[in-house]
Protein backbone atom coordinates (compact mmCIF):
# COMPACT_ATOMS: atom_id res chain seq x y z
CA MET A 1 -31.11 -16.18 4.49
CA SER A 2 -31.97 -13.95 1.52
CA ALA A 3 -29.48 -11.45 0.16
CA ASP A 4 -31.61 -8.55 1.42
CA ALA A 5 -31.80 -10.06 4.90
CA ALA A 6 -28.04 -10.74 4.96
CA LEU A 7 -27.22 -7.20 3.89
CA SER A 8 -29.65 -5.78 6.45
CA ARG A 9 -28.00 -7.87 9.17
CA ILE A 10 -24.57 -6.61 8.15
CA ARG A 11 -25.77 -3.02 8.08
CA ASP A 12 -27.13 -3.38 11.61
CA ARG A 13 -23.79 -4.73 12.78
CA VAL A 14 -21.89 -1.89 11.11
CA VAL A 15 -24.20 0.79 12.55
CA ASP A 16 -23.95 -0.78 16.02
CA GLY A 17 -20.16 -0.82 15.80
CA LYS A 18 -19.97 -4.62 15.86
CA ARG A 19 -17.15 -6.41 14.05
CA LEU A 20 -17.97 -8.30 10.86
CA ASP A 21 -17.00 -11.99 10.69
CA ARG A 22 -15.81 -14.14 7.81
CA GLU A 23 -19.36 -15.12 6.86
CA ASP A 24 -20.18 -11.43 6.48
CA GLY A 25 -17.00 -10.83 4.51
CA ARG A 26 -17.65 -13.75 2.18
CA PHE A 27 -21.16 -12.51 1.44
CA LEU A 28 -19.95 -8.96 0.75
CA LEU A 29 -17.19 -10.20 -1.57
CA THR A 30 -19.26 -12.70 -3.55
CA GLU A 31 -23.02 -12.16 -3.36
CA ALA A 32 -24.00 -8.70 -2.14
CA PRO A 33 -25.07 -6.19 -4.82
CA LEU A 34 -22.12 -3.93 -5.58
CA LEU A 35 -23.96 -0.61 -5.34
CA GLU A 36 -25.50 -1.53 -2.01
CA VAL A 37 -22.12 -2.58 -0.63
CA GLY A 38 -20.74 0.75 -1.81
CA ALA A 39 -23.55 2.73 -0.21
CA LEU A 40 -23.01 0.93 3.11
CA ALA A 41 -19.26 1.55 2.90
CA ALA A 42 -19.88 5.26 2.26
CA GLU A 43 -22.16 5.32 5.31
CA ALA A 44 -19.44 3.71 7.40
CA ARG A 45 -16.85 6.16 6.06
CA PHE A 46 -18.92 9.20 7.03
CA ALA A 47 -19.70 7.71 10.44
CA ARG A 48 -15.94 7.58 11.07
CA LEU A 49 -14.95 10.72 9.13
CA PRO A 50 -18.01 13.01 9.07
CA ASP A 51 -16.61 15.78 6.87
CA ARG A 52 -16.22 15.53 3.09
CA VAL A 53 -12.45 16.03 3.12
CA VAL A 54 -10.42 13.76 0.84
CA THR A 55 -6.70 13.85 1.46
CA PHE A 56 -3.70 13.41 -0.82
CA VAL A 57 0.07 13.56 -0.41
CA ILE A 58 2.68 15.14 -2.67
CA ASP A 59 5.16 12.33 -3.12
CA SER A 60 7.45 10.37 -5.39
CA ASN A 61 8.25 6.66 -5.57
CA PRO A 62 11.79 6.14 -6.90
CA ASN A 63 13.85 2.95 -6.68
CA TYR A 64 17.44 2.43 -5.59
CA THR A 65 18.07 -0.93 -7.29
CA ASN A 66 16.30 -3.41 -9.53
CA VAL A 67 18.65 -6.23 -8.49
CA CYS A 68 16.69 -8.95 -6.71
CA VAL A 69 17.18 -12.59 -5.77
CA THR A 70 13.58 -13.32 -4.74
CA ASP A 71 12.12 -14.14 -8.19
CA CYS A 72 8.51 -13.15 -7.52
CA GLN A 73 6.28 -14.33 -10.35
CA PHE A 74 4.21 -11.15 -10.38
CA CYS A 75 7.13 -8.71 -10.79
CA ALA A 76 8.27 -7.27 -14.12
CA PHE A 77 10.69 -4.81 -12.51
CA TYR A 78 13.47 -6.94 -11.05
CA ARG A 79 16.63 -8.28 -12.66
CA LYS A 80 18.89 -10.99 -11.27
CA PRO A 81 22.43 -10.11 -10.16
CA GLY A 82 24.72 -9.90 -13.18
CA ASP A 83 21.92 -9.25 -15.67
CA PRO A 84 22.95 -6.63 -18.27
CA GLU A 85 19.84 -4.62 -17.35
CA ALA A 86 20.56 -4.72 -13.60
CA TRP A 87 21.42 -1.46 -11.86
CA THR A 88 22.02 -0.04 -8.38
CA LEU A 89 22.20 3.66 -7.51
CA THR A 90 24.84 5.14 -5.25
CA VAL A 91 23.75 6.97 -2.10
CA ASP A 92 24.33 10.31 -3.84
CA GLU A 93 22.27 9.21 -6.84
CA VAL A 94 19.38 8.26 -4.55
CA LEU A 95 19.64 11.60 -2.78
CA ALA A 96 19.51 13.37 -6.14
CA LYS A 97 16.11 11.74 -6.68
CA VAL A 98 14.99 12.89 -3.23
CA GLU A 99 16.22 16.41 -4.07
CA SER A 100 14.24 16.39 -7.30
CA ALA A 101 11.08 15.33 -5.47
CA ALA A 102 11.61 17.95 -2.76
CA ALA A 103 12.04 20.65 -5.41
CA GLN A 104 8.58 19.73 -6.73
CA GLY A 105 7.06 20.11 -3.27
CA ALA A 106 7.08 16.48 -2.17
CA THR A 107 6.76 15.87 1.56
CA THR A 108 7.07 12.09 1.21
CA VAL A 109 9.47 9.92 -0.74
CA LEU A 110 8.53 6.24 -0.89
CA LEU A 111 11.79 4.48 -1.68
CA GLN A 112 11.90 0.79 -2.45
CA GLY A 113 13.96 -1.64 -4.48
CA GLY A 114 14.87 -5.24 -5.07
CA HIS A 115 16.43 -7.61 -2.55
CA ASN A 116 20.06 -6.95 -3.36
CA PRO A 117 22.53 -9.00 -1.26
CA ALA A 118 25.45 -6.78 -2.33
CA LEU A 119 24.24 -3.75 -0.35
CA PRO A 120 25.47 -3.32 3.25
CA LEU A 121 23.44 -1.93 6.14
CA GLU A 122 25.37 1.35 6.04
CA TYR A 123 24.05 2.04 2.52
CA TYR A 124 20.47 2.13 3.81
CA LEU A 125 21.30 4.04 6.99
CA SER A 126 23.18 6.69 5.01
CA ILE A 127 20.21 7.23 2.69
CA VAL A 128 17.91 7.74 5.68
CA SER A 129 20.21 10.01 7.69
CA GLU A 130 21.24 12.11 4.70
CA THR A 131 17.61 12.53 3.61
CA ARG A 132 16.80 13.80 7.10
CA ARG A 133 19.80 16.10 7.13
CA ARG A 134 19.54 17.56 3.63
CA PHE A 135 15.76 17.56 3.17
CA PRO A 136 14.15 17.98 6.62
CA ARG A 137 10.69 18.57 5.11
CA VAL A 138 10.71 15.19 3.37
CA THR A 139 9.56 12.07 5.24
CA PRO A 140 11.75 9.06 4.36
CA HIS A 141 9.02 6.47 3.78
CA PHE A 142 11.57 3.78 2.91
CA PHE A 143 11.96 0.00 2.52
CA THR A 144 9.21 -2.62 2.54
CA ALA A 145 9.08 -5.51 5.00
CA SER A 146 10.83 -7.94 2.66
CA GLU A 147 13.61 -5.42 2.02
CA ILE A 148 14.13 -5.07 5.76
CA GLN A 149 14.34 -8.86 6.03
CA THR A 150 17.00 -8.82 3.30
CA ILE A 151 18.94 -6.05 5.07
CA ALA A 152 18.84 -8.06 8.29
CA GLY A 153 20.03 -11.23 6.59
CA VAL A 154 22.94 -9.54 4.84
CA ALA A 155 23.99 -7.74 8.04
CA SER A 156 23.52 -10.85 10.24
CA LEU A 157 21.18 -8.87 12.48
CA SER A 158 17.63 -9.41 13.65
CA VAL A 159 14.76 -7.49 12.06
CA GLY A 160 14.37 -5.64 15.34
CA ASP A 161 18.02 -4.57 15.28
CA VAL A 162 17.65 -3.21 11.75
CA LEU A 163 14.51 -1.30 12.71
CA ASP A 164 16.35 0.18 15.71
CA ARG A 165 19.18 1.34 13.45
CA LEU A 166 16.75 2.88 10.97
CA TRP A 167 14.95 4.64 13.82
CA ASP A 168 18.22 6.04 15.12
CA ALA A 169 18.99 7.28 11.58
CA GLY A 170 15.71 9.21 11.58
CA GLN A 171 13.13 6.97 9.92
CA ARG A 172 9.61 6.86 11.38
CA THR A 173 7.37 5.24 8.74
CA LEU A 174 7.42 2.15 6.52
CA PRO A 175 5.55 1.46 3.27
CA GLY A 176 3.27 -1.55 3.21
CA GLY A 177 4.39 -3.04 -0.09
CA GLY A 178 5.30 -6.68 -0.44
CA ALA A 179 2.20 -8.03 1.30
CA GLU A 180 0.59 -9.23 -1.93
CA VAL A 181 -2.11 -11.48 -0.38
CA LEU A 182 -1.33 -12.65 3.15
CA SER A 183 -2.26 -16.27 2.57
CA GLU A 184 0.11 -19.21 2.94
CA ARG A 185 -1.19 -20.75 -0.28
CA VAL A 186 -0.90 -17.58 -2.35
CA ARG A 187 2.53 -16.51 -1.16
CA LYS A 188 3.89 -20.02 -1.68
CA ARG A 189 2.58 -19.86 -5.25
CA ILE A 190 3.69 -16.38 -6.37
CA ALA A 191 6.50 -15.39 -3.98
CA PRO A 192 7.85 -18.50 -2.23
CA LYS A 193 11.20 -16.93 -1.32
CA LYS A 194 9.51 -14.16 0.68
CA GLY A 195 8.14 -16.59 3.27
CA GLY A 196 4.57 -16.91 4.49
CA PRO A 197 2.29 -14.16 5.78
CA GLY A 198 4.03 -14.20 9.14
CA ALA A 199 7.21 -12.81 7.58
CA TRP A 200 5.52 -9.61 6.43
CA LEU A 201 3.38 -9.30 9.53
CA GLU A 202 6.29 -9.70 11.94
CA VAL A 203 8.25 -6.81 10.41
CA HIS A 204 5.26 -4.52 10.79
CA ARG A 205 4.50 -5.85 14.27
CA GLN A 206 8.01 -5.07 15.43
CA ALA A 207 7.95 -1.71 13.68
CA HIS A 208 4.67 -0.73 15.33
CA HIS A 209 5.99 -1.84 18.72
CA ARG A 210 8.88 0.60 18.25
CA GLY A 211 6.64 3.50 17.26
CA PHE A 212 6.85 3.32 13.48
CA LYS A 213 3.70 3.93 11.46
CA SER A 214 3.11 1.95 8.27
CA THR A 215 0.50 1.16 5.67
CA ALA A 216 -1.14 -2.17 4.91
CA THR A 217 -1.46 -3.08 1.24
CA MET A 218 -2.99 -5.85 -0.82
CA MET A 219 -2.27 -6.77 -4.43
CA TYR A 220 -5.20 -8.91 -5.60
CA GLY A 221 -6.34 -10.29 -8.93
CA HIS A 222 -3.97 -13.18 -9.57
CA VAL A 223 -4.21 -16.63 -7.92
CA GLU A 224 -6.17 -15.79 -4.76
CA ASP A 225 -9.69 -16.90 -3.90
CA VAL A 226 -12.20 -15.42 -1.45
CA ASP A 227 -10.79 -17.23 1.58
CA ASP A 228 -7.31 -15.92 0.76
CA VAL A 229 -8.65 -12.36 0.71
CA LEU A 230 -10.37 -12.92 4.04
CA ASP A 231 -7.15 -14.35 5.48
CA HIS A 232 -5.46 -11.12 4.45
CA LEU A 233 -8.12 -8.86 5.93
CA ASP A 234 -8.18 -10.87 9.17
CA ALA A 235 -4.39 -10.69 9.42
CA VAL A 236 -4.06 -6.93 9.06
CA ARG A 237 -7.12 -6.28 11.24
CA GLY A 238 -5.66 -8.50 13.95
CA LEU A 239 -2.29 -6.76 13.84
CA GLN A 240 -3.99 -3.36 13.94
CA ASP A 241 -5.70 -4.44 17.17
CA GLU A 242 -2.27 -4.90 18.76
CA HIS A 243 -0.67 -1.49 18.26
CA GLY A 244 -2.82 0.63 15.92
CA GLY A 245 0.26 1.22 13.80
CA PHE A 246 -1.32 1.14 10.34
CA THR A 247 -2.32 4.54 8.98
CA ALA A 248 -4.25 3.23 5.97
CA PHE A 249 -5.23 0.23 3.88
CA VAL A 250 -4.26 0.38 0.20
CA PRO A 251 -5.48 -2.32 -2.23
CA TRP A 252 -4.61 -2.46 -5.93
CA SER A 253 -5.01 -4.95 -8.77
CA PHE A 254 -2.20 -7.09 -10.18
CA LYS A 255 -0.85 -5.97 -13.57
CA PRO A 256 0.28 -9.03 -15.57
CA GLY A 257 2.30 -7.31 -18.31
CA ASN A 258 5.84 -8.70 -18.73
CA THR A 259 5.52 -10.98 -15.69
CA LEU A 260 5.80 -14.75 -15.37
CA LEU A 261 2.11 -14.89 -14.43
CA GLU A 262 1.11 -13.26 -17.72
CA LYS A 263 0.99 -16.73 -19.30
CA TRP A 264 -2.06 -17.57 -17.16
CA ILE A 265 -3.49 -14.15 -16.31
CA LYS A 266 -3.95 -11.97 -19.37
CA HIS A 267 -5.83 -8.98 -17.96
CA TYR A 268 -6.05 -7.13 -14.68
CA LYS A 269 -9.27 -7.02 -12.72
CA GLY A 270 -11.53 -4.14 -13.71
CA PRO A 271 -13.09 -1.28 -11.74
CA ASN A 272 -16.02 -3.27 -10.37
CA ALA A 273 -13.71 -5.70 -8.59
CA TYR A 274 -11.68 -2.77 -7.30
CA LEU A 275 -14.67 -0.85 -5.96
CA ARG A 276 -15.96 -3.96 -4.21
CA MET A 277 -12.57 -4.57 -2.61
CA LEU A 278 -12.40 -0.99 -1.34
CA ALA A 279 -15.93 -1.06 0.02
CA VAL A 280 -15.45 -4.41 1.77
CA ALA A 281 -12.19 -3.14 3.26
CA ARG A 282 -13.97 -0.11 4.73
CA LEU A 283 -16.61 -2.34 6.29
CA TYR A 284 -14.39 -5.21 7.44
CA LEU A 285 -11.39 -3.22 8.66
CA ASP A 286 -13.25 -1.43 11.44
CA ASN A 287 -10.00 -0.38 13.15
CA PHE A 288 -8.48 1.35 10.09
CA HIS A 289 -9.06 5.08 9.94
CA HIS A 290 -8.17 5.56 6.28
CA ILE A 291 -8.86 3.62 3.08
CA GLN A 292 -6.86 4.80 0.06
CA ALA A 293 -8.21 5.05 -3.47
CA SER A 294 -5.45 4.09 -5.88
CA TRP A 295 -6.03 6.36 -8.88
CA PHE A 296 -2.61 5.34 -10.09
CA SER A 297 -3.25 1.63 -10.43
CA GLU A 298 -6.94 1.71 -11.35
CA GLY A 299 -7.42 4.96 -13.28
CA LYS A 300 -8.54 8.45 -12.36
CA ARG A 301 -12.26 7.94 -12.97
CA ALA A 302 -12.24 4.78 -10.88
CA GLY A 303 -10.45 6.83 -8.22
CA GLN A 304 -13.26 9.37 -8.21
CA ILE A 305 -15.94 6.69 -7.92
CA ALA A 306 -13.93 5.03 -5.14
CA LEU A 307 -14.52 8.11 -2.99
CA HIS A 308 -18.20 7.10 -2.96
CA PHE A 309 -17.32 3.49 -2.03
CA GLY A 310 -15.70 4.14 1.33
CA ALA A 311 -12.32 5.61 0.41
CA ASP A 312 -11.27 8.90 2.01
CA ASP A 313 -7.76 9.33 0.58
CA TRP A 314 -6.55 9.86 -2.99
CA GLY A 315 -3.00 8.61 -2.55
CA GLY A 316 -0.16 10.68 -3.96
CA THR A 317 1.27 12.47 -6.96
CA LEU A 318 3.92 9.78 -7.61
CA PHE A 319 6.26 12.02 -9.60
CA GLU A 320 8.38 8.94 -10.33
CA GLU A 321 7.20 5.32 -10.42
CA ASN A 322 8.89 2.38 -12.13
CA VAL A 323 7.33 -0.89 -10.94
CA HIS A 324 3.96 -0.50 -12.66
CA ARG A 325 5.76 1.06 -15.62
CA ALA A 326 7.74 -2.18 -16.04
CA ALA A 327 4.40 -3.98 -16.39
CA ASP A 328 3.34 -1.53 -19.14
CA TYR A 329 0.89 0.36 -16.93
CA VAL A 330 1.53 4.09 -16.80
CA ASN A 331 -0.57 6.87 -15.27
CA ARG A 332 0.43 10.44 -14.42
CA ILE A 333 -1.10 13.27 -12.41
CA GLY A 334 -0.27 16.65 -10.87
CA VAL A 335 -1.55 18.53 -7.83
CA ASP A 336 -3.92 20.76 -9.81
CA GLU A 337 -5.53 17.75 -11.46
CA ILE A 338 -5.87 15.94 -8.13
CA VAL A 339 -7.62 18.95 -6.63
CA THR A 340 -9.97 19.21 -9.60
CA LEU A 341 -10.80 15.49 -9.63
CA ILE A 342 -11.55 15.42 -5.90
CA ARG A 343 -13.72 18.54 -6.17
CA ASP A 344 -15.57 17.21 -9.21
CA ALA A 345 -16.33 14.04 -7.22
CA GLY A 346 -18.06 16.20 -4.61
CA PHE A 347 -15.38 16.38 -1.92
CA THR A 348 -12.99 18.91 -0.39
CA PRO A 349 -9.32 18.32 -1.31
CA ALA A 350 -6.69 18.53 1.41
CA GLN A 351 -2.95 17.95 1.24
CA ARG A 352 -1.61 15.69 4.01
CA THR A 353 1.65 14.34 5.37
CA THR A 354 2.73 10.69 5.42
CA GLU A 355 1.03 10.32 8.81
CA TYR A 356 -2.21 11.99 7.66
CA GLU A 357 -1.72 15.39 9.23
CA ILE A 358 -3.48 18.08 7.16
CA VAL A 359 -1.06 20.57 5.56
CA ARG A 360 -3.47 22.57 3.43
CA THR A 361 -7.18 22.49 2.60
CA TYR A 362 -8.22 23.71 -0.85
C-alpha cells in the first residue's frame, strides 16, 4: 500500500470514529509525512473540541526531597541517601512552597520527589491535609506512581491502602510522572528498580477505581524504539477504557544533561520528533480528551506549533521546577506571556483547574 493510500485509510478510520491499530500507529510514527499527520491530528482535535480554546493552568512544581534509592539512569536530580548534596524538606518547608505558589495565583501544586525510605506515611498525609486546610484554592496534585509504591513499601501497606489514606486526607488527583516508556525492555534498561509497566499502571488503575483523576505521561527519546512507543500508547489507552480516569496525555523528550545516559545520548530529540509524537497521540489515543503541549520541555515556539498538531492544552506556568533544571534545561514563562503566545498561535486562551474546568477565558 502506498503512503497516500495508507494515510487515506487512516483518515477514514479517524473520521468514522474507528480505533487505530498498531499497523496504523507504526506508519504514522515512521513513514507518514509529518505535516499531513499534523493536519489530520488537528482535524481530530477539532472534531472532539470544536472551539479554538487552548487551556493552561497556573501552577508550580516544587520538590520535597532529592533523596532516592531507585538510581534511574535518566535522572540528574536525585542523590543517594547520605550524599552531601542530599536534602529533604520538613512539612512546614513544603507548605511554605505551597504558600508561595498560592500567593502567585497558583491553583495547582504538582509536588514530587525522590524515593526516600526515611519518610513515614504521616509526612505525606500531613502535607496533603495541611495544604487543603491552609490553601483551599490549591489542588494538591502530589506524588507519582513510583512514589506511592515507595510510601506503601515503607509503611508496610498496600498501594490501595495508601491511596485510601491520601483520599481521606483530601487528595483527588495524581501526576502521571514516572511512566517514562511503558515497555518491559525500556524500563528494565533505564529504571530497573521501578518495576515493569504494570507497576505504574496498577497505581493509576487503583487510583481511578477510587475516583482519583490523573495524567498519563511519556518521556521518549532515549533507548526506545517504535514498538516500545506503541506498547506505551496501547497501555494507557487500554487503562483509559477501564475507568476514564486520565485527564490528559503529556509527552516530552528526554534531556540527557548530567545523567548516566548522557554517555550514549548526547542530544535531546528536536521539535519534529515532538510534533509527530503529539499528533500520533491525538490520533491513537481516541479516548483521551486532552493532549498537552509541553512548552516547558520543548520550547515556546514548538509549543505554539503543537497547537496546530492536535494539542489543546498549554500546560502550566511552573513557577518552580528543579528536575529539568538539574539536566541543564531551563525555561520560564508567566501568565501574560502564555496568553500572548496562545493568541498569536490563533487560539483563545483560557485558564483551567487541574481537572480541566475553565476558570477564566481571555
